[in-house]
C-alpha atoms as a PDB file:
ATOM      1  CA  MET A   1      -0.959-129.546  70.912  1.00  0.00           C
ATOM      2  CA  PRO A   2      -1.118-127.225  73.747  1.00  0.00           C
ATOM      3  CA  TYR A   3      -2.241-123.971  73.814  1.00  0.00           C
ATOM      4  CA  ILE A   4       0.156-121.348  73.994  1.00  0.00           C
ATOM      5  CA  ILE A   5      -0.959-118.196  75.503  1.00  0.00           C
ATOM      6  CA  ARG A   6       0.387-114.743  74.606  1.00  0.00           C
ATOM      7  CA  PRO A   7       0.250-111.981  76.541  1.00  0.00           C
ATOM      8  CA  LYS A   8      -1.129-108.844  75.315  1.00  0.00           C
ATOM      9  CA  GLY A   9       1.273-106.644  72.514  1.00  0.00           C
ATOM     10  CA  PRO A  10       2.734-103.067  73.719  1.00  0.00           C
ATOM     11  CA  ARG A  11       0.731-101.634  71.245  1.00  0.00           C
ATOM     12  CA  ARG A  12      -2.878-103.064  72.113  1.00  0.00           C
ATOM     13  CA  LEU A  13      -2.036-101.870  76.011  1.00  0.00           C
ATOM     14  CA  VAL A  14      -1.430 -98.337  75.127  1.00  0.00           C
ATOM     15  CA  ALA A  15      -4.745 -98.279  72.904  1.00  0.00           C
ATOM     16  CA  ALA A  16      -6.574 -99.681  75.523  1.00  0.00           C
ATOM     17  CA  LEU A  17      -4.997 -96.947  77.724  1.00  0.00           C
ATOM     18  CA  PHE A  18      -5.887 -94.128  75.535  1.00  0.00           C
ATOM     19  CA  GLY A  19      -9.227 -95.140  74.882  1.00  0.00           C
ATOM     20  CA  THR A  20      -9.539 -95.218  78.726  1.00  0.00           C
ATOM     21  CA  MET A  21      -8.134 -91.613  78.928  1.00  0.00           C
ATOM     22  CA  LEU A  22     -10.404 -90.322  76.275  1.00  0.00           C
ATOM     23  CA  LEU A  23     -13.679 -91.768  77.191  1.00  0.00           C
ATOM     24  CA  THR A  24     -12.803 -89.967  81.234  1.00  0.00           C
ATOM     25  CA  GLY A  25     -11.905 -86.884  79.012  1.00  0.00           C
ATOM     26  CA  VAL A  26     -15.830 -86.633  77.742  1.00  0.00           C
ATOM     27  CA  ALA A  27     -17.718 -88.414  80.681  1.00  0.00           C
ATOM     28  CA  PRO A  28     -19.184 -85.857  84.173  1.00  0.00           C
ATOM     29  CA  ALA A  29     -17.005 -86.737  87.317  1.00  0.00           C
ATOM     30  CA  ALA A  30     -18.394 -89.557  89.098  1.00  0.00           C
ATOM     31  CA  ALA A  31     -19.255 -88.400  92.566  1.00  0.00           C
ATOM     32  CA  SER A  32     -18.592 -89.786  95.549  1.00  0.00           C
ATOM     33  CA  ALA A  33     -21.403 -88.317  97.251  1.00  0.00           C
ATOM     34  CA  ALA A  34     -24.614 -86.803  96.256  1.00  0.00           C
ATOM     35  CA  CYS A  35     -25.702 -83.079  95.788  1.00  0.00           C
ATOM     36  CA  PRO A  36     -25.643 -81.499  98.610  1.00  0.00           C
ATOM     37  CA  SER A  37     -29.430 -80.604 100.206  1.00  0.00           C
ATOM     38  CA  ASN A  38     -30.934 -77.563 100.110  1.00  0.00           C
ATOM     39  CA  PRO A  39     -34.379 -76.531 101.996  1.00  0.00           C
ATOM     40  CA  VAL A  40     -36.697 -76.848  99.523  1.00  0.00           C
ATOM     41  CA  SER A  41     -41.018 -75.730  99.345  1.00  0.00           C
ATOM     42  CA  ALA A  42     -43.216 -75.118  97.071  1.00  0.00           C
ATOM     43  CA  ALA A  43     -42.499 -72.528  95.767  1.00  0.00           C
ATOM     44  CA  LEU A  44     -44.547 -71.983  93.006  1.00  0.00           C
ATOM     45  CA  ALA A  45     -48.203 -73.696  93.922  1.00  0.00           C
ATOM     46  CA  ALA A  46     -49.894 -70.027  93.734  1.00  0.00           C
ATOM     47  CA  PHE A  47     -48.843 -71.215  90.058  1.00  0.00           C
ATOM     48  CA  GLY A  48     -50.303 -74.726  89.307  1.00  0.00           C
ATOM     49  CA  ASP A  49     -47.266 -76.308  90.167  1.00  0.00           C
ATOM     50  CA  ASN A  50     -47.196 -78.936  93.596  1.00  0.00           C
ATOM     51  CA  SER A  51     -43.340 -79.642  93.326  1.00  0.00           C
ATOM     52  CA  SER A  52     -40.720 -78.885  95.462  1.00  0.00           C
ATOM     53  CA  TYR A  53     -37.969 -75.996  94.342  1.00  0.00           C
ATOM     54  CA  SER A  54     -35.026 -75.171  96.002  1.00  0.00           C
ATOM     55  CA  LEU A  55     -34.045 -71.247  94.961  1.00  0.00           C
ATOM     56  CA  LEU A  56     -31.003 -70.700  93.316  1.00  0.00           C
ATOM     57  CA  ALA A  57     -28.283 -68.813  95.167  1.00  0.00           C
ATOM     58  CA  GLY A  58     -28.157 -65.696  94.330  1.00  0.00           C
ATOM     59  CA  SER A  59     -31.250 -65.510  92.183  1.00  0.00           C
ATOM     60  CA  SER A  60     -34.042 -63.224  94.659  1.00  0.00           C
ATOM     61  CA  PHE A  61     -30.618 -60.801  93.603  1.00  0.00           C
ATOM     62  CA  ASP A  62     -31.827 -58.967  97.014  1.00  0.00           C
ATOM     63  CA  SER A  63     -28.296 -58.841  97.983  1.00  0.00           C
ATOM     64  CA  GLY A  64     -27.208 -58.162  94.635  1.00  0.00           C
ATOM     65  CA  ALA A  65     -26.187 -60.835  92.240  1.00  0.00           C
ATOM     66  CA  PRO A  66     -22.723 -62.730  94.344  1.00  0.00           C
ATOM     67  CA  GLY A  67     -21.341 -64.710  92.173  1.00  0.00           C
ATOM     68  CA  TRP A  68     -23.469 -63.882  89.072  1.00  0.00           C
ATOM     69  CA  SER A  69     -21.200 -62.995  85.309  1.00  0.00           C
ATOM     70  CA  LEU A  70     -23.016 -59.565  84.523  1.00  0.00           C
ATOM     71  CA  ASN A  71     -22.743 -58.096  80.668  1.00  0.00           C
ATOM     72  CA  ASP A  72     -24.705 -55.087  80.161  1.00  0.00           C
ATOM     73  CA  ALA A  73     -26.694 -56.455  83.305  1.00  0.00           C
ATOM     74  CA  GLU A  74     -27.856 -55.154  87.263  1.00  0.00           C
ATOM     75  CA  VAL A  75     -30.137 -55.615  89.649  1.00  0.00           C
ATOM     76  CA  LEU A  76     -32.658 -52.888  89.839  1.00  0.00           C
ATOM     77  CA  THR A  77     -35.235 -52.200  91.914  1.00  0.00           C
ATOM     78  CA  GLY A  78     -38.655 -50.169  92.270  1.00  0.00           C
ATOM     79  CA  GLU A  79     -40.337 -49.491  89.487  1.00  0.00           C
ATOM     80  CA  GLY A  80     -36.914 -49.106  87.230  1.00  0.00           C
ATOM     81  CA  ALA A  81     -36.386 -50.614  83.850  1.00  0.00           C
ATOM     82  CA  ALA A  82     -36.437 -54.032  85.946  1.00  0.00           C
ATOM     83  CA  GLY A  83     -39.753 -53.311  87.911  1.00  0.00           C
ATOM     84  CA  GLU A  84     -40.381 -54.682  90.657  1.00  0.00           C
ATOM     85  CA  GLY A  85     -39.970 -58.245  91.261  1.00  0.00           C
ATOM     86  CA  ALA A  86     -41.750 -61.142  90.445  1.00  0.00           C
ATOM     87  CA  ASN A  87     -42.569 -62.152  93.880  1.00  0.00           C
ATOM     88  CA  GLY A  88     -43.733 -58.700  94.896  1.00  0.00           C
ATOM     89  CA  ASP A  89     -40.485 -57.894  96.520  1.00  0.00           C
ATOM     90  CA  PRO A  90     -38.526 -54.914  95.111  1.00  0.00           C
ATOM     91  CA  TYR A  91     -35.447 -56.758  93.014  1.00  0.00           C
ATOM     92  CA  ALA A  92     -34.940 -58.293  89.711  1.00  0.00           C
ATOM     93  CA  LEU A  93     -31.862 -58.351  87.009  1.00  0.00           C
ATOM     94  CA  ALA A  94     -32.076 -56.520  83.830  1.00  0.00           C
ATOM     95  CA  ILE A  95     -30.559 -57.471  81.004  1.00  0.00           C
ATOM     96  CA  ALA A  96     -29.684 -55.179  78.171  1.00  0.00           C
ATOM     97  CA  PRO A  97     -30.114 -55.869  74.465  1.00  0.00           C
ATOM     98  CA  ASN A  98     -27.200 -58.245  73.349  1.00  0.00           C
ATOM     99  CA  GLY A  99     -25.854 -58.583  77.592  1.00  0.00           C
ATOM    100  CA  SER A 100     -25.695 -61.202  79.479  1.00  0.00           C
ATOM    101  CA  ALA A 101     -26.341 -62.719  83.158  1.00  0.00           C
ATOM    102  CA  VAL A 102     -24.431 -66.435  84.401  1.00  0.00           C
ATOM    103  CA  SER A 103     -25.605 -67.617  87.358  1.00  0.00           C
ATOM    104  CA  PRO A 104     -22.928 -69.122  90.003  1.00  0.00           C
ATOM    105  CA  ARG A 105     -22.197 -72.243  88.983  1.00  0.00           C
ATOM    106  CA  PHE A 106     -23.725 -75.102  90.923  1.00  0.00           C
ATOM    107  CA  CYS A 107     -23.997 -78.972  91.448  1.00  0.00           C
ATOM    108  CA  VAL A 108     -26.454 -81.259  89.377  1.00  0.00           C
ATOM    109  CA  SER A 109     -27.016 -84.711  89.163  1.00  0.00           C
ATOM    110  CA  SER A 110     -29.364 -86.924  87.060  1.00  0.00           C
ATOM    111  CA  GLU A 111     -32.168 -86.036  90.574  1.00  0.00           C
ATOM    112  CA  TYR A 112     -32.264 -82.459  89.140  1.00  0.00           C
ATOM    113  CA  PRO A 113     -34.354 -83.132  86.404  1.00  0.00           C
ATOM    114  CA  THR A 114     -36.209 -79.419  85.723  1.00  0.00           C
ATOM    115  CA  PHE A 115     -35.912 -75.771  86.760  1.00  0.00           C
ATOM    116  CA  ARG A 116     -38.020 -72.579  86.006  1.00  0.00           C
ATOM    117  CA  PHE A 117     -37.973 -68.661  86.296  1.00  0.00           C
ATOM    118  CA  PHE A 118     -39.268 -65.622  86.169  1.00  0.00           C
ATOM    119  CA  ALA A 119     -38.703 -63.708  83.367  1.00  0.00           C
ATOM    120  CA  ARG A 120     -40.309 -61.231  80.769  1.00  0.00           C
ATOM    121  CA  GLU A 121     -39.174 -58.334  78.407  1.00  0.00           C
ATOM    122  CA  THR A 122     -39.117 -54.818  79.713  1.00  0.00           C
ATOM    123  CA  SER A 123     -38.398 -52.984  76.975  1.00  0.00           C
ATOM    124  CA  GLY A 124     -38.946 -53.672  73.031  1.00  0.00           C
ATOM    125  CA  GLY A 125     -37.001 -54.954  70.385  1.00  0.00           C
ATOM    126  CA  ASP A 126     -37.718 -56.049  67.067  1.00  0.00           C
ATOM    127  CA  TRP A 127     -40.731 -59.356  65.523  1.00  0.00           C
ATOM    128  CA  ASN A 128     -37.667 -61.746  66.631  1.00  0.00           C
ATOM    129  CA  SER A 129     -37.309 -60.746  70.059  1.00  0.00           C
ATOM    130  CA  SER A 130     -36.545 -63.690  73.169  1.00  0.00           C
ATOM    131  CA  LEU A 131     -34.877 -64.129  75.985  1.00  0.00           C
ATOM    132  CA  ASN A 132     -32.394 -67.575  75.043  1.00  0.00           C
ATOM    133  CA  VAL A 133     -31.682 -70.101  77.676  1.00  0.00           C
ATOM    134  CA  SER A 134     -28.832 -72.200  77.824  1.00  0.00           C
ATOM    135  CA  LEU A 135     -26.772 -75.051  80.676  1.00  0.00           C
ATOM    136  CA  ARG A 136     -22.992 -74.320  80.676  1.00  0.00           C
ATOM    137  CA  TRP A 137     -20.801 -76.948  81.789  1.00  0.00           C
ATOM    138  CA  THR A 138     -17.489 -78.455  81.431  1.00  0.00           C
ATOM    139  CA  THR A 139     -15.976 -81.690  80.901  1.00  0.00           C
ATOM    140  CA  GLY A 140     -14.412 -84.317  82.783  1.00  0.00           C
ATOM    141  CA  TRP A 141     -10.804 -82.684  82.720  1.00  0.00           C
ATOM    142  CA  GLY A 142     -12.613 -79.285  83.218  1.00  0.00           C
ATOM    143  CA  SER A 143     -10.558 -77.733  80.548  1.00  0.00           C
ATOM    144  CA  ARG A 144     -14.021 -76.149  78.030  1.00  0.00           C
ATOM    145  CA  GLU A 145     -16.682 -74.879  78.879  1.00  0.00           C
ATOM    146  CA  LEU A 146     -19.681 -75.992  76.475  1.00  0.00           C
ATOM    147  CA  GLY A 147     -23.263 -75.056  76.250  1.00  0.00           C
ATOM    148  CA  THR A 148     -26.297 -76.647  75.823  1.00  0.00           C
ATOM    149  CA  PRO A 149     -29.595 -74.439  75.008  1.00  0.00           C
ATOM    150  CA  VAL A 150     -32.842 -75.313  76.574  1.00  0.00           C
ATOM    151  CA  ALA A 151     -35.008 -72.400  75.700  1.00  0.00           C
ATOM    152  CA  SER A 152     -35.855 -69.418  73.384  1.00  0.00           C
ATOM    153  CA  LEU A 153     -38.979 -67.423  75.276  1.00  0.00           C
ATOM    154  CA  GLN A 154     -40.888 -64.989  73.920  1.00  0.00           C
ATOM    155  CA  PRO A 155     -41.263 -61.647  75.034  1.00  0.00           C
ATOM    156  CA  ASN A 156     -44.308 -60.859  77.652  1.00  0.00           C
ATOM    157  CA  SER A 157     -44.714 -57.536  78.945  1.00  0.00           C
ATOM    158  CA  SER A 158     -45.454 -58.782  82.114  1.00  0.00           C
ATOM    159  CA  TRP A 159     -44.280 -61.136  84.380  1.00  0.00           C
ATOM    160  CA  THR A 160     -44.272 -65.160  83.633  1.00  0.00           C
ATOM    161  CA  LEU A 161     -42.967 -67.931  84.492  1.00  0.00           C
ATOM    162  CA  SER A 162     -41.243 -69.852  82.237  1.00  0.00           C
ATOM    163  CA  PRO A 163     -41.992 -73.428  81.151  1.00  0.00           C
ATOM    164  CA  THR A 164     -40.354 -76.233  82.759  1.00  0.00           C
ATOM    165  CA  LEU A 165     -37.300 -76.709  81.506  1.00  0.00           C
ATOM    166  CA  ARG A 166     -34.915 -78.905  81.310  1.00  0.00           C
ATOM    167  CA  LEU A 167     -31.862 -79.948  83.332  1.00  0.00           C
ATOM    168  CA  ALA A 168     -30.280 -83.197  84.588  1.00  0.00           C
ATOM    169  CA  SER A 169     -32.018 -84.438  80.860  1.00  0.00           C
ATOM    170  CA  ALA A 170     -29.930 -82.085  78.640  1.00  0.00           C
ATOM    171  CA  LEU A 171     -26.478 -83.363  80.659  1.00  0.00           C
ATOM    172  CA  PRO A 172     -24.897 -85.853  79.710  1.00  0.00           C
ATOM    173  CA  LEU A 173     -25.375 -86.728  82.618  1.00  0.00           C
ATOM    174  CA  TRP A 174     -25.378 -90.817  82.280  1.00  0.00           C
ATOM    175  CA  MET A 175     -22.941 -92.628  84.570  1.00  0.00           C
ATOM    176  CA  PRO A 176     -24.956 -93.415  87.557  1.00  0.00           C
ATOM    177  CA  GLY A 177     -23.850 -91.710  90.650  1.00  0.00           C
ATOM    178  CA  SER A 178     -22.898 -88.588  87.921  1.00  0.00           C
ATOM    179  CA  THR A 179     -22.149 -85.148  88.739  1.00  0.00           C
ATOM    180  CA  LEU A 180     -21.258 -81.762  86.643  1.00  0.00           C
ATOM    181  CA  LYS A 181     -21.094 -78.177  87.947  1.00  0.00           C
ATOM    182  CA  VAL A 182     -23.413 -75.877  85.489  1.00  0.00           C
ATOM    183  CA  ARG A 183     -24.110 -72.632  85.170  1.00  0.00           C
ATOM    184  CA  VAL A 184     -27.111 -70.813  83.826  1.00  0.00           C
ATOM    185  CA  ALA A 185     -26.428 -68.542  81.390  1.00  0.00           C
ATOM    186  CA  PHE A 186     -29.775 -65.701  79.891  1.00  0.00           C
ATOM    187  CA  GLN A 187     -28.898 -63.681  76.709  1.00  0.00           C
ATOM    188  CA  PRO A 188     -31.465 -61.687  75.337  1.00  0.00           C
ATOM    189  CA  SER A 189     -31.865 -61.030  71.394  1.00  0.00           C
ATOM    190  CA  GLY A 190     -33.854 -59.165  68.771  1.00  0.00           C
ATOM    191  CA  GLY A 191     -33.241 -55.703  70.222  1.00  0.00           C
ATOM    192  CA  GLY A 192     -35.278 -56.443  73.694  1.00  0.00           C
ATOM    193  CA  SER A 193     -34.353 -55.749  77.742  1.00  0.00           C
ATOM    194  CA  TRP A 194     -34.896 -58.510  79.962  1.00  0.00           C
ATOM    195  CA  ALA A 195     -35.646 -58.957  83.282  1.00  0.00           C
ATOM    196  CA  ILE A 196     -35.533 -62.366  85.348  1.00  0.00           C
ATOM    197  CA  ASP A 197     -36.219 -63.230  89.183  1.00  0.00           C
ATOM    198  CA  ASP A 198     -35.847 -66.499  91.075  1.00  0.00           C
ATOM    199  CA  VAL A 199     -34.786 -69.399  89.529  1.00  0.00           C
ATOM    200  CA  TYR A 200     -36.271 -72.312  90.787  1.00  0.00           C
ATOM    201  CA  ILE A 201     -34.485 -75.846  90.773  1.00  0.00           C
ATOM    202  CA  ASP A 202     -36.175 -79.142  91.228  1.00  0.00           C
ATOM    203  CA  PRO A 203     -34.292 -81.097  93.277  1.00  0.00           C
ATOM    204  CA  TYR A 204     -35.825 -84.400  92.855  1.00  0.00           C
ATOM    205  CA  SER A 205     -36.081 -87.380  89.801  1.00  0.00           C
ATOM    206  CA  ARG A 206     -40.187 -87.517  88.793  1.00  0.00           C
END
C-alpha cells in the first residue's frame, strides 16, 4: 500500500511561526557587521593591567556628561565634592545618595568581555554603603529595558580601579554575530555619595 503524505495542518504551521516569533523577541539582534572599532591603548598598564582598552565615549567628563542620564548627579571639577579626576585630570562625575548615572548606549558583542572604571566614595553612608553597577539592555523587539547586576563596590575614600567586571558574558549574546545596545548604570546605596571617572571597555575576547 503506497504511503500517503499529507501536508502539515494549519495548526502546526501557526504554532511553528509563533514559536519563531517568541524566540526572536528575546534574542539579541543579529548584526550584519561587528561593533564599530574604537581606538585602544594599554591605558591601565600602570595598575598592572596590560590589556588593551577603549575609553567609553563621554566617560572622562571633560566636556560635561554628553549622552548620560543623570539623577542627582553632576560633573564637578577640582577639589570639590568629587575631588580631582582619577587620572590627574580635574573632572569627575559625582553621584549623590540615592542618585544614579547611566551611560550612553554602546554596542557590545561577544568580543567585549569586560569593563573597568575608577570610583571613590566622597561622603560616608552607613555600614552597608556601596556603589551598585548594572548593565541595561533591551530585547530584540526593543520594547522593554532589562537590567543585569554585575557589581556592588565597597567604599574607598581614594580613587580605586574597579575589579574586572563582566560585560558580554553577563548578557544573552548566545547567537554568533549578535550584538546588543547596552548602558552601564551606577547607583549608590546606603546613604553614601560616590564619584566615578574613566570607564574602560575591553574590546577583545580572551
